[in-house]
Structures are given as structure tokens and as C-alpha cells.
C-alpha atoms as a PDB file:
ATOM      1  CA  MET A   1     222.848 -22.624 134.557  1.00  0.00           C
ATOM      2  CA  ASP A   2     219.345 -24.031 134.935  1.00  0.00           C
ATOM      3  CA  VAL A   3     218.424 -23.245 131.317  1.00  0.00           C
ATOM      4  CA  PRO A   4     220.618 -22.871 128.212  1.00  0.00           C
ATOM      5  CA  LEU A   5     222.256 -19.496 127.863  1.00  0.00           C
ATOM      6  CA  ALA A   6     220.750 -17.264 125.164  1.00  0.00           C
ATOM      7  CA  GLY A   7     220.368 -13.578 124.352  1.00  0.00           C
ATOM      8  CA  VAL A   8     223.101 -10.954 124.645  1.00  0.00           C
ATOM      9  CA  VAL A   9     226.404 -11.948 126.243  1.00  0.00           C
ATOM     10  CA  PRO A  10     228.878  -9.082 125.760  1.00  0.00           C
ATOM     11  CA  VAL A  11     232.623  -9.236 126.125  1.00  0.00           C
ATOM     12  CA  VAL A  12     233.871  -7.234 129.104  1.00  0.00           C
ATOM     13  CA  PRO A  13     236.850  -5.053 128.142  1.00  0.00           C
ATOM     14  CA  THR A  14     239.909  -4.899 130.340  1.00  0.00           C
ATOM     15  CA  VAL A  15     240.234  -1.281 131.449  1.00  0.00           C
ATOM     16  CA  PHE A  16     243.695   0.209 131.859  1.00  0.00           C
ATOM     17  CA  HIS A  17     244.968   3.330 133.557  1.00  0.00           C
ATOM     18  CA  ASP A  18     246.843   5.827 131.406  1.00  0.00           C
ATOM     19  CA  ASP A  19     250.106   4.108 132.433  1.00  0.00           C
ATOM     20  CA  GLU A  20     248.696   0.808 131.033  1.00  0.00           C
ATOM     21  CA  SER A  21     248.350  -0.870 134.427  1.00  0.00           C
ATOM     22  CA  VAL A  22     245.094  -2.765 134.938  1.00  0.00           C
ATOM     23  CA  ASP A  23     242.250  -0.659 136.351  1.00  0.00           C
ATOM     24  CA  LEU A  24     240.301  -3.274 138.294  1.00  0.00           C
ATOM     25  CA  ASP A  25     237.805  -0.761 139.665  1.00  0.00           C
ATOM     26  CA  GLY A  26     237.110   0.590 136.190  1.00  0.00           C
ATOM     27  CA  THR A  27     236.695  -2.896 134.770  1.00  0.00           C
ATOM     28  CA  ALA A  28     234.292  -3.795 137.573  1.00  0.00           C
ATOM     29  CA  ARG A  29     232.325  -0.604 136.886  1.00  0.00           C
ATOM     30  CA  VAL A  30     231.806  -1.801 133.322  1.00  0.00           C
ATOM     31  CA  VAL A  31     230.296  -4.966 134.779  1.00  0.00           C
ATOM     32  CA  ASP A  32     227.840  -2.856 136.796  1.00  0.00           C
ATOM     33  CA  TYR A  33     226.834  -0.986 133.630  1.00  0.00           C
ATOM     34  CA  LEU A  34     226.343  -4.263 131.750  1.00  0.00           C
ATOM     35  CA  VAL A  35     224.187  -5.737 134.505  1.00  0.00           C
ATOM     36  CA  ASP A  36     222.005  -2.624 134.400  1.00  0.00           C
ATOM     37  CA  ALA A  37     221.884  -2.973 130.602  1.00  0.00           C
ATOM     38  CA  GLY A  38     219.904  -6.179 131.096  1.00  0.00           C
ATOM     39  CA  VAL A  39     222.380  -8.529 129.465  1.00  0.00           C
ATOM     40  CA  ASP A  40     221.935 -12.278 129.770  1.00  0.00           C
ATOM     41  CA  GLY A  41     225.527 -13.164 130.623  1.00  0.00           C
ATOM     42  CA  LEU A  42     229.087 -11.872 130.456  1.00  0.00           C
ATOM     43  CA  CYS A  43     232.278 -13.045 128.769  1.00  0.00           C
ATOM     44  CA  LEU A  44     235.658 -12.304 130.342  1.00  0.00           C
ATOM     45  CA  LEU A  45     239.215 -12.385 128.987  1.00  0.00           C
ATOM     46  CA  ALA A  46     238.202 -12.648 125.340  1.00  0.00           C
ATOM     47  CA  ASN A  47     240.026 -11.076 122.406  1.00  0.00           C
ATOM     48  CA  TYR A  48     238.021  -7.862 122.853  1.00  0.00           C
ATOM     49  CA  SER A  49     239.205  -7.962 126.471  1.00  0.00           C
ATOM     50  CA  GLU A  50     242.777  -7.730 125.128  1.00  0.00           C
ATOM     51  CA  GLN A  51     243.511 -11.111 126.660  1.00  0.00           C
ATOM     52  CA  PHE A  52     246.581 -11.367 124.432  1.00  0.00           C
ATOM     53  CA  SER A  53     248.200  -8.439 126.288  1.00  0.00           C
ATOM     54  CA  LEU A  54     247.686  -9.762 129.826  1.00  0.00           C
ATOM     55  CA  THR A  55     249.978 -11.745 132.087  1.00  0.00           C
ATOM     56  CA  ASP A  56     248.688 -14.942 133.659  1.00  0.00           C
ATOM     57  CA  ALA A  57     248.618 -13.237 137.059  1.00  0.00           C
ATOM     58  CA  GLU A  58     246.552 -10.378 135.626  1.00  0.00           C
ATOM     59  CA  ARG A  59     244.159 -12.842 134.008  1.00  0.00           C
ATOM     60  CA  ASP A  60     243.562 -14.582 137.316  1.00  0.00           C
ATOM     61  CA  GLU A  61     243.105 -11.311 139.207  1.00  0.00           C
ATOM     62  CA  ILE A  62     240.626  -9.975 136.644  1.00  0.00           C
ATOM     63  CA  ALA A  63     238.609 -13.194 136.559  1.00  0.00           C
ATOM     64  CA  ARG A  64     238.454 -13.457 140.340  1.00  0.00           C
ATOM     65  CA  THR A  65     237.544  -9.794 140.826  1.00  0.00           C
ATOM     66  CA  LEU A  66     234.794  -9.772 138.217  1.00  0.00           C
ATOM     67  CA  LEU A  67     233.279 -13.096 139.253  1.00  0.00           C
ATOM     68  CA  GLU A  68     233.081 -11.775 142.798  1.00  0.00           C
ATOM     69  CA  ARG A  69     231.502  -8.565 141.460  1.00  0.00           C
ATOM     70  CA  VAL A  70     228.856 -10.488 139.513  1.00  0.00           C
ATOM     71  CA  ALA A  71     228.205 -12.671 142.570  1.00  0.00           C
ATOM     72  CA  GLY A  72     226.042 -15.137 140.662  1.00  0.00           C
ATOM     73  CA  ARG A  73     223.658 -12.543 139.239  1.00  0.00           C
ATOM     74  CA  LEU A  74     224.512 -13.634 135.691  1.00  0.00           C
ATOM     75  CA  PRO A  75     226.271 -16.590 134.085  1.00  0.00           C
ATOM     76  CA  VAL A  76     229.879 -15.718 133.312  1.00  0.00           C
ATOM     77  CA  ILE A  77     231.978 -17.234 130.531  1.00  0.00           C
ATOM     78  CA  VAL A  78     235.743 -17.141 130.974  1.00  0.00           C
ATOM     79  CA  THR A  79     237.939 -17.412 127.893  1.00  0.00           C
ATOM     80  CA  THR A  80     240.753 -19.899 128.451  1.00  0.00           C
ATOM     81  CA  SER A  81     242.296 -20.217 124.982  1.00  0.00           C
ATOM     82  CA  HIS A  82     245.907 -21.378 124.702  1.00  0.00           C
ATOM     83  CA  TYR A  83     247.855 -23.422 122.167  1.00  0.00           C
ATOM     84  CA  SER A  84     248.740 -26.020 124.790  1.00  0.00           C
ATOM     85  CA  ALA A  85     245.939 -28.410 125.730  1.00  0.00           C
ATOM     86  CA  ARG A  86     247.559 -28.791 129.156  1.00  0.00           C
ATOM     87  CA  VAL A  87     247.570 -25.036 129.799  1.00  0.00           C
ATOM     88  CA  ALA A  88     244.050 -24.607 128.405  1.00  0.00           C
ATOM     89  CA  ALA A  89     242.798 -27.386 130.673  1.00  0.00           C
ATOM     90  CA  ALA A  90     244.461 -25.843 133.724  1.00  0.00           C
ATOM     91  CA  ARG A  91     243.053 -22.408 132.896  1.00  0.00           C
ATOM     92  CA  SER A  92     239.605 -23.916 132.444  1.00  0.00           C
ATOM     93  CA  ARG A  93     239.777 -25.792 135.746  1.00  0.00           C
ATOM     94  CA  ALA A  94     240.820 -22.607 137.532  1.00  0.00           C
ATOM     95  CA  ALA A  95     237.949 -20.680 135.921  1.00  0.00           C
ATOM     96  CA  GLN A  96     235.472 -23.305 137.081  1.00  0.00           C
ATOM     97  CA  GLU A  97     236.833 -23.159 140.619  1.00  0.00           C
ATOM     98  CA  MET A  98     236.431 -19.361 140.617  1.00  0.00           C
ATOM     99  CA  GLY A  99     232.768 -19.705 139.678  1.00  0.00           C
ATOM    100  CA  ALA A 100     232.627 -19.528 135.878  1.00  0.00           C
ATOM    101  CA  ALA A 101     229.485 -21.002 134.344  1.00  0.00           C
ATOM    102  CA  MET A 102     231.255 -21.844 131.077  1.00  0.00           C
ATOM    103  CA  VAL A 103     234.616 -21.574 129.357  1.00  0.00           C
ATOM    104  CA  MET A 104     235.279 -20.447 125.799  1.00  0.00           C
ATOM    105  CA  LEU A 105     238.235 -21.528 123.685  1.00  0.00           C
ATOM    106  CA  MET A 106     239.477 -21.035 120.174  1.00  0.00           C
ATOM    107  CA  PRO A 107     241.011 -24.111 118.536  1.00  0.00           C
ATOM    108  CA  PRO A 108     244.773 -24.366 119.095  1.00  0.00           C
ATOM    109  CA  PHE A 109     246.976 -22.231 116.851  1.00  0.00           C
ATOM    110  CA  PHE A 110     250.046 -20.069 117.053  1.00  0.00           C
ATOM    111  CA  GLY A 111     250.680 -17.365 114.515  1.00  0.00           C
ATOM    112  CA  ALA A 112     249.614 -17.829 110.913  1.00  0.00           C
ATOM    113  CA  THR A 113     251.221 -21.208 110.235  1.00  0.00           C
ATOM    114  CA  MET A 114     250.974 -23.364 113.379  1.00  0.00           C
ATOM    115  CA  THR A 115     247.539 -24.870 112.892  1.00  0.00           C
ATOM    116  CA  VAL A 116     246.064 -28.187 113.972  1.00  0.00           C
ATOM    117  CA  ALA A 117     244.315 -30.867 111.945  1.00  0.00           C
ATOM    118  CA  GLY A 118     240.749 -31.964 112.716  1.00  0.00           C
ATOM    119  CA  PRO A 119     241.408 -35.060 114.884  1.00  0.00           C
ATOM    120  CA  ALA A 120     243.884 -33.108 117.016  1.00  0.00           C
ATOM    121  CA  VAL A 121     241.306 -30.342 117.492  1.00  0.00           C
ATOM    122  CA  ILE A 122     238.851 -32.870 118.885  1.00  0.00           C
ATOM    123  CA  GLU A 123     241.508 -34.359 121.156  1.00  0.00           C
ATOM    124  CA  TYR A 124     242.426 -30.860 122.381  1.00  0.00           C
ATOM    125  CA  PHE A 125     238.855 -30.139 123.453  1.00  0.00           C
ATOM    126  CA  ARG A 126     238.589 -33.623 124.955  1.00  0.00           C
ATOM    127  CA  GLN A 127     241.561 -32.903 127.220  1.00  0.00           C
ATOM    128  CA  VAL A 128     239.986 -29.649 128.351  1.00  0.00           C
ATOM    129  CA  ALA A 129     236.643 -31.350 128.971  1.00  0.00           C
ATOM    130  CA  ASP A 130     238.329 -34.034 131.088  1.00  0.00           C
ATOM    131  CA  ALA A 131     239.463 -31.289 133.502  1.00  0.00           C
ATOM    132  CA  ILE A 132     236.082 -29.598 134.086  1.00  0.00           C
ATOM    133  CA  ASP A 133     232.357 -30.157 134.574  1.00  0.00           C
ATOM    134  CA  ILE A 134     230.971 -26.951 133.047  1.00  0.00           C
ATOM    135  CA  PRO A 135     229.990 -26.405 129.397  1.00  0.00           C
ATOM    136  CA  ILE A 136     232.489 -25.409 126.731  1.00  0.00           C
ATOM    137  CA  MET A 137     231.931 -22.860 123.975  1.00  0.00           C
ATOM    138  CA  VAL A 138     234.122 -23.255 120.901  1.00  0.00           C
ATOM    139  CA  GLN A 139     235.044 -19.929 119.324  1.00  0.00           C
ATOM    140  CA  ASP A 140     235.227 -19.967 115.540  1.00  0.00           C
ATOM    141  CA  ALA A 141     236.971 -16.642 114.952  1.00  0.00           C
ATOM    142  CA  PRO A 142     238.961 -15.068 112.099  1.00  0.00           C
ATOM    143  CA  LEU A 143     241.916 -14.627 114.463  1.00  0.00           C
ATOM    144  CA  SER A 144     242.563 -18.382 114.354  1.00  0.00           C
ATOM    145  CA  PRO A 145     243.903 -19.946 111.154  1.00  0.00           C
ATOM    146  CA  THR A 146     242.884 -23.417 112.346  1.00  0.00           C
ATOM    147  CA  PRO A 147     239.859 -24.274 110.169  1.00  0.00           C
ATOM    148  CA  LEU A 148     236.619 -25.377 111.798  1.00  0.00           C
ATOM    149  CA  PRO A 149     234.328 -26.590 109.014  1.00  0.00           C
ATOM    150  CA  ALA A 150     230.785 -27.448 110.039  1.00  0.00           C
ATOM    151  CA  SER A 151     231.535 -31.167 109.667  1.00  0.00           C
ATOM    152  CA  LEU A 152     234.366 -30.912 112.219  1.00  0.00           C
ATOM    153  CA  LEU A 153     232.182 -28.988 114.658  1.00  0.00           C
ATOM    154  CA  VAL A 154     229.449 -31.615 114.314  1.00  0.00           C
ATOM    155  CA  GLY A 155     231.998 -34.322 115.098  1.00  0.00           C
ATOM    156  CA  LEU A 156     233.392 -32.314 118.011  1.00  0.00           C
ATOM    157  CA  VAL A 157     229.978 -31.922 119.644  1.00  0.00           C
ATOM    158  CA  GLY A 158     229.256 -35.609 119.088  1.00  0.00           C
ATOM    159  CA  GLN A 159     232.511 -36.781 120.641  1.00  0.00           C
ATOM    160  CA  VAL A 160     232.944 -34.194 123.424  1.00  0.00           C
ATOM    161  CA  PRO A 161     229.522 -33.704 125.049  1.00  0.00           C
ATOM    162  CA  LEU A 162     230.634 -30.728 127.159  1.00  0.00           C
ATOM    163  CA  VAL A 163     230.984 -28.742 123.930  1.00  0.00           C
ATOM    164  CA  GLN A 164     227.442 -27.352 123.959  1.00  0.00           C
ATOM    165  CA  TYR A 165     227.983 -23.818 122.641  1.00  0.00           C
ATOM    166  CA  ALA A 166     229.598 -22.325 119.564  1.00  0.00           C
ATOM    167  CA  LYS A 167     230.413 -18.701 118.766  1.00  0.00           C
ATOM    168  CA  ILE A 168     230.500 -18.404 114.992  1.00  0.00           C
ATOM    169  CA  GLU A 169     232.065 -15.170 113.753  1.00  0.00           C
ATOM    170  CA  VAL A 170     233.592 -16.049 110.409  1.00  0.00           C
ATOM    171  CA  PRO A 171     232.451 -15.108 106.892  1.00  0.00           C
ATOM    172  CA  GLN A 172     229.185 -16.793 105.884  1.00  0.00           C
ATOM    173  CA  ALA A 173     228.349 -17.276 109.562  1.00  0.00           C
ATOM    174  CA  ALA A 174     224.632 -17.709 108.839  1.00  0.00           C
ATOM    175  CA  ASP A 175     225.205 -20.704 106.573  1.00  0.00           C
ATOM    176  CA  LYS A 176     227.431 -22.356 109.163  1.00  0.00           C
ATOM    177  CA  LEU A 177     224.947 -21.661 111.957  1.00  0.00           C
ATOM    178  CA  HIS A 178     222.132 -23.099 109.827  1.00  0.00           C
ATOM    179  CA  ALA A 179     224.175 -26.233 109.111  1.00  0.00           C
ATOM    180  CA  LEU A 180     225.021 -26.721 112.787  1.00  0.00           C
ATOM    181  CA  ALA A 181     221.451 -26.154 113.954  1.00  0.00           C
ATOM    182  CA  GLY A 182     220.142 -28.617 111.380  1.00  0.00           C
ATOM    183  CA  ALA A 183     222.718 -31.312 112.137  1.00  0.00           C
ATOM    184  CA  LEU A 184     222.929 -31.005 115.919  1.00  0.00           C
ATOM    185  CA  GLY A 185     219.567 -29.719 117.159  1.00  0.00           C
ATOM    186  CA  ALA A 186     219.336 -29.982 120.926  1.00  0.00           C
ATOM    187  CA  SER A 187     222.912 -31.311 121.152  1.00  0.00           C
ATOM    188  CA  LEU A 188     224.055 -27.732 120.548  1.00  0.00           C
ATOM    189  CA  PRO A 189     221.712 -25.602 122.679  1.00  0.00           C
ATOM    190  CA  GLY A 190     223.881 -22.516 122.319  1.00  0.00           C
ATOM    191  CA  PRO A 191     224.775 -21.404 118.794  1.00  0.00           C
ATOM    192  CA  PHE A 192     225.839 -17.746 119.010  1.00  0.00           C
ATOM    193  CA  ASP A 193     227.150 -15.171 116.596  1.00  0.00           C
ATOM    194  CA  GLY A 194     229.847 -12.554 117.191  1.00  0.00           C
ATOM    195  CA  GLU A 195     231.648  -9.924 115.089  1.00  0.00           C
ATOM    196  CA  GLU A 196     229.900  -7.165 117.057  1.00  0.00           C
ATOM    197  CA  SER A 197     226.468  -8.443 115.858  1.00  0.00           C
ATOM    198  CA  VAL A 198     227.108  -7.068 112.372  1.00  0.00           C
ATOM    199  CA  THR A 199     225.157 -10.013 110.869  1.00  0.00           C
ATOM    200  CA  LEU A 200     222.697 -10.426 113.744  1.00  0.00           C
ATOM    201  CA  ILE A 201     219.379 -10.786 111.901  1.00  0.00           C
ATOM    202  CA  PRO A 202     220.618 -13.273 109.270  1.00  0.00           C
ATOM    203  CA  ASP A 203     222.260 -15.245 112.074  1.00  0.00           C
ATOM    204  CA  LEU A 204     219.069 -15.318 114.162  1.00  0.00           C
ATOM    205  CA  ASP A 205     217.177 -16.419 111.042  1.00  0.00           C
ATOM    206  CA  ALA A 206     219.735 -19.218 110.677  1.00  0.00           C
ATOM    207  CA  GLY A 207     219.205 -20.521 114.215  1.00  0.00           C
ATOM    208  CA  ALA A 208     221.484 -18.486 116.470  1.00  0.00           C
ATOM    209  CA  LYS A 209     220.164 -18.232 120.027  1.00  0.00           C
ATOM    210  CA  GLY A 210     222.095 -15.116 120.897  1.00  0.00           C
ATOM    211  CA  THR A 211     224.954 -12.780 120.173  1.00  0.00           C
ATOM    212  CA  MET A 212     228.290 -11.976 121.796  1.00  0.00           C
ATOM    213  CA  PRO A 213     229.070  -8.336 120.957  1.00  0.00           C
ATOM    214  CA  SER A 214     231.357  -5.791 122.543  1.00  0.00           C
ATOM    215  CA  SER A 215     230.192  -3.710 125.510  1.00  0.00           C
ATOM    216  CA  MET A 216     229.219  -0.801 123.257  1.00  0.00           C
ATOM    217  CA  VAL A 217     225.467  -1.309 122.618  1.00  0.00           C
ATOM    218  CA  PRO A 218     224.368  -4.444 124.534  1.00  0.00           C
ATOM    219  CA  ALA A 219     221.184  -2.871 125.916  1.00  0.00           C
ATOM    220  CA  GLU A 220     220.018  -1.931 122.444  1.00  0.00           C
ATOM    221  CA  LEU A 221     220.919  -5.350 121.027  1.00  0.00           C
ATOM    222  CA  GLY A 222     218.955  -6.992 123.833  1.00  0.00           C
ATOM    223  CA  GLN A 223     215.858  -5.032 122.826  1.00  0.00           C
ATOM    224  CA  ILE A 224     216.328  -6.179 119.229  1.00  0.00           C
ATOM    225  CA  ILE A 225     216.626  -9.841 120.166  1.00  0.00           C
ATOM    226  CA  ARG A 226     213.588  -9.677 122.442  1.00  0.00           C
ATOM    227  CA  ARG A 227     211.536  -8.121 119.636  1.00  0.00           C
ATOM    228  CA  TYR A 228     212.735 -10.808 117.257  1.00  0.00           C
ATOM    229  CA  LEU A 229     211.883 -13.640 119.647  1.00  0.00           C
ATOM    230  CA  SER A 230     208.462 -12.147 120.372  1.00  0.00           C
ATOM    231  CA  GLY A 231     207.621 -12.458 116.678  1.00  0.00           C
ATOM    232  CA  ASP A 232     208.205  -8.840 115.702  1.00  0.00           C
ATOM    233  CA  ARG A 233     210.910  -9.569 113.140  1.00  0.00           C
ATOM    234  CA  ALA A 234     210.138  -6.437 111.119  1.00  0.00           C
ATOM    235  CA  GLY A 235     210.554  -4.236 114.184  1.00  0.00           C
ATOM    236  CA  ALA A 236     213.765  -6.027 115.110  1.00  0.00           C
ATOM    237  CA  VAL A 237     215.130  -5.477 111.606  1.00  0.00           C
ATOM    238  CA  ARG A 238     214.334  -1.756 111.728  1.00  0.00           C
ATOM    239  CA  ALA A 239     216.040  -1.329 115.094  1.00  0.00           C
ATOM    240  CA  TRP A 240     219.070  -3.347 113.978  1.00  0.00           C
ATOM    241  CA  GLU A 241     219.391  -1.366 110.772  1.00  0.00           C
ATOM    242  CA  ASP A 242     219.376   1.848 112.797  1.00  0.00           C
ATOM    243  CA  LEU A 243     222.364   0.559 114.791  1.00  0.00           C
ATOM    244  CA  LEU A 244     224.221  -0.876 111.791  1.00  0.00           C
ATOM    245  CA  PRO A 245     226.149   2.265 110.775  1.00  0.00           C
ATOM    246  CA  LEU A 246     227.580   2.463 114.285  1.00  0.00           C
ATOM    247  CA  ILE A 247     228.293  -1.274 114.433  1.00  0.00           C
ATOM    248  CA  HIS A 248     229.964  -1.227 111.020  1.00  0.00           C
ATOM    249  CA  PHE A 249     232.112   1.703 112.147  1.00  0.00           C
ATOM    250  CA  GLU A 250     233.143  -0.258 115.232  1.00  0.00           C
ATOM    251  CA  ASN A 251     233.822  -3.405 113.243  1.00  0.00           C
ATOM    252  CA  ARG A 252     235.770  -1.853 110.373  1.00  0.00           C
ATOM    253  CA  GLN A 253     237.303   1.353 111.721  1.00  0.00           C
ATOM    254  CA  CYS A 254     237.972   0.924 115.454  1.00  0.00           C
ATOM    255  CA  GLY A 255     237.848  -2.693 116.552  1.00  0.00           C
ATOM    256  CA  LEU A 256     237.963  -3.234 120.289  1.00  0.00           C
ATOM    257  CA  ARG A 257     238.862   0.417 120.888  1.00  0.00           C
ATOM    258  CA  ALA A 258     235.333   1.606 120.038  1.00  0.00           C
ATOM    259  CA  GLN A 259     233.778   0.297 123.245  1.00  0.00           C
ATOM    260  CA  LYS A 260     236.471   1.949 125.357  1.00  0.00           C
ATOM    261  CA  ILE A 261     236.017   5.279 123.598  1.00  0.00           C
ATOM    262  CA  LEU A 262     232.286   5.336 124.297  1.00  0.00           C
ATOM    263  CA  LEU A 263     232.674   3.979 127.834  1.00  0.00           C
ATOM    264  CA  ALA A 264     235.064   6.860 128.516  1.00  0.00           C
ATOM    265  CA  GLU A 265     232.894   9.437 126.747  1.00  0.00           C
ATOM    266  CA  GLY A 266     229.948   8.278 128.833  1.00  0.00           C
ATOM    267  CA  GLY A 267     231.904   8.637 132.081  1.00  0.00           C
ATOM    268  CA  ILE A 268     231.868   4.923 132.935  1.00  0.00           C
ATOM    269  CA  ILE A 269     235.653   4.529 132.781  1.00  0.00           C
ATOM    270  CA  ALA A 270     238.433   7.055 133.240  1.00  0.00           C
ATOM    271  CA  SER A 271     240.758   6.008 130.427  1.00  0.00           C
ATOM    272  CA  GLU A 272     240.275   4.486 126.985  1.00  0.00           C
ATOM    273  CA  ARG A 273     243.920   3.348 126.879  1.00  0.00           C
ATOM    274  CA  THR A 274     244.915   0.101 125.197  1.00  0.00           C
ATOM    275  CA  ARG A 275     248.269  -1.566 125.728  1.00  0.00           C
ATOM    276  CA  ALA A 276     251.066  -0.884 123.270  1.00  0.00           C
ATOM    277  CA  PRO A 277     251.625  -1.705 120.513  1.00  0.00           C
ATOM    278  CA  LEU A 278     247.866  -1.253 120.056  1.00  0.00           C
ATOM    279  CA  GLY A 279     247.565   2.511 119.976  1.00  0.00           C
ATOM    280  CA  PRO A 280     244.597   4.868 119.840  1.00  0.00           C
ATOM    281  CA  VAL A 281     242.489   5.464 116.762  1.00  0.00           C
ATOM    282  CA  SER A 282     243.094   8.656 114.820  1.00  0.00           C
ATOM    283  CA  PRO A 283     241.317  11.816 116.016  1.00  0.00           C
ATOM    284  CA  ARG A 284     239.306  11.744 112.784  1.00  0.00           C
ATOM    285  CA  THR A 285     238.104   8.193 113.426  1.00  0.00           C
ATOM    286  CA  ARG A 286     237.314   8.981 117.050  1.00  0.00           C
ATOM    287  CA  ARG A 287     235.162  11.935 116.013  1.00  0.00           C
ATOM    288  CA  GLY A 288     233.312   9.768 113.501  1.00  0.00           C
ATOM    289  CA  LEU A 289     232.489   7.165 116.132  1.00  0.00           C
ATOM    290  CA  ILE A 290     231.246   9.741 118.646  1.00  0.00           C
ATOM    291  CA  GLU A 291     229.144  11.445 115.989  1.00  0.00           C
ATOM    292  CA  LEU A 292     227.382   8.186 115.168  1.00  0.00           C
ATOM    293  CA  ALA A 293     226.869   7.408 118.874  1.00  0.00           C
ATOM    294  CA  ALA A 294     225.572  10.885 119.680  1.00  0.00           C
ATOM    295  CA  ALA A 295     222.843  10.531 117.059  1.00  0.00           C
ATOM    296  CA  ARG A 296     221.384   7.602 119.010  1.00  0.00           C
ATOM    297  CA  ASP A 297     220.027   7.399 122.554  1.00  0.00           C
ATOM    298  CA  LEU A 298     222.570   4.854 123.803  1.00  0.00           C
ATOM    299  CA  LEU A 299     222.738   3.616 127.379  1.00  0.00           C
ATOM    300  CA  VAL A 300     226.535   3.688 127.293  1.00  0.00           C
ATOM    301  CA  MET A 301     226.417   7.473 126.857  1.00  0.00           C
ATOM    302  CA  ARG A 302     223.986   8.202 129.697  1.00  0.00           C
ATOM    303  CA  TRP A 303     224.311   5.408 132.304  1.00  0.00           C
ATOM    304  CA  ALA A 304     226.869   7.276 134.407  1.00  0.00           C
ATOM    305  CA  ARG A 305     225.371  10.758 133.999  1.00  0.00           C
END
């Protein structure tokens, strides 16, 4: 990347056939839709990509296929999280060799009780950084019970220079983003938020340079961020507030399944299947999501028509 990554960088879902096998063509079609949506980058194999349900061979095939599909048109982040520093480093090296512009990792954890203390977190990221030459984004997500207080993140960036990006998607994200921006300045060119952009405006006010949502409304979020950065904060707030009921419904009622439902409803993918044991939402919830989407002129609902 010639300039720091900013703007909207959605997570690409892994699309499955109805028999739960990976639909590579469908997943690649989502990439085409996202490119047309005007996003600033893409993130592969993240939690909203159902990375936890994929084999290592499937991970490699998806990453290779999608990086070839993007063909350098956009920077691509590949998620390489793993409890083992050795495995995470090997995954990160492989992602770099395939053409990834950046890797993203959560701190090491396993289940609810196997967490890692601060010095070991720094050493973990140091081992990953020793294996690659591209930037690292640390993902501070509710899924991980390993705590990442702002003071630890400041120390991590100071001691592991390849850690140049942070995705903050925990409660009180704006305060943490503000603390990181104030303490690190140019040493952290890429503070991002997540959580489907449910706190986007407070996070931009706090110093976030972009957002990493699902693939549900990235075109609309891009318009909001561009309005905000142009100085039209009031207009950005109005547009964000119009999307909020839909985003809240995604965040609290559907999770990662919301993007697949709308991608299927819009004709971009053939199946909204997730891998068991993650089943479909209830018919009632599905109807509620579609009702909220239908009330808005969303690209996801008309791109393939």
C-alpha cells in the first residue's frame, strides 16, 4: 500500500452451497459486488467469514481464489488468527506470499479460560512479525477473552513496529480509540472500528480512520464516511442514523447471517447457508431483516438485478 488504508474495509463472507461445501464462485461474486460498491479494501477469513468452521485447506483455497479475483485492485487483509504463535506466523507468511497487503490477528486465546498475559501477547505478535514484511492489524474483539487494554496496545505498537493497525470492536470502543490516537499518533496510522459500524460516528469522532463492517451495507457506509471526512458531519450523522435500525438488527438479531440473507435476497449468491451447528435465523427474524432492508435503497438488493 502506498498510503495508509482507511475508509470501508468489509469482511467477505464465505459462501456455502446448500450441502455446506464451499461455493468459491459465489464467494468470488461477493468480491465483485464489493468492488463495485466502492470499498477501500477487503478482509478475508475473519470471524464473519466463518473462519472457525473452515479447514486449513479450505482457508488456503479461499484466500488464493479471492486474491486472484481482486488482482491488486484493492488492498486485501487476510485473517491469520491462531492460538499458536508458530501457526499464526506460518499462516501470515503464506498470506503474504499469496499477495495479502496486511494480516489481521486476534490475541492468542482458546475457549473462555486459556488467555495470555500482556508480555506474552507482545511476544506472540513479535513472532508473527518476524515471519513477514507486511503490516499487522490487531483485532480487539469480544470473541477473545484475552484483555487488550489501551496501555498494552500502546506497548505492542512501540515494540512491534509492523503492528500499524487496530480494529477496536469492544464496549467503549470510542474511548479506547481516542486513547490510542492520542498516545500513538502517526505510529498507528490505521485505527478502525468494527461491530458492523454500530458506533461509527462516535468512533470517527474519536479518531478512527475507517470501519470494518460486514458485506451488508458497505456502499452506504462509504458514502457516510466520505461525507464525514468532507466536513459534512451533520449529513453523515443523518445518513448513519437512517441505517442504524438495520445495523442494530444485524448486530443483535442475526449476526453474520444477516449479510448472507440479503446477498441471497439480492440474487448475488445462491444460498444463505451457514455451517452447522450455526443454523438459520427464525422465519420471523428473517422477515424483520428483509423488511428493514426493503425500506432502504441498498446496493446489496439491486446490484445483481
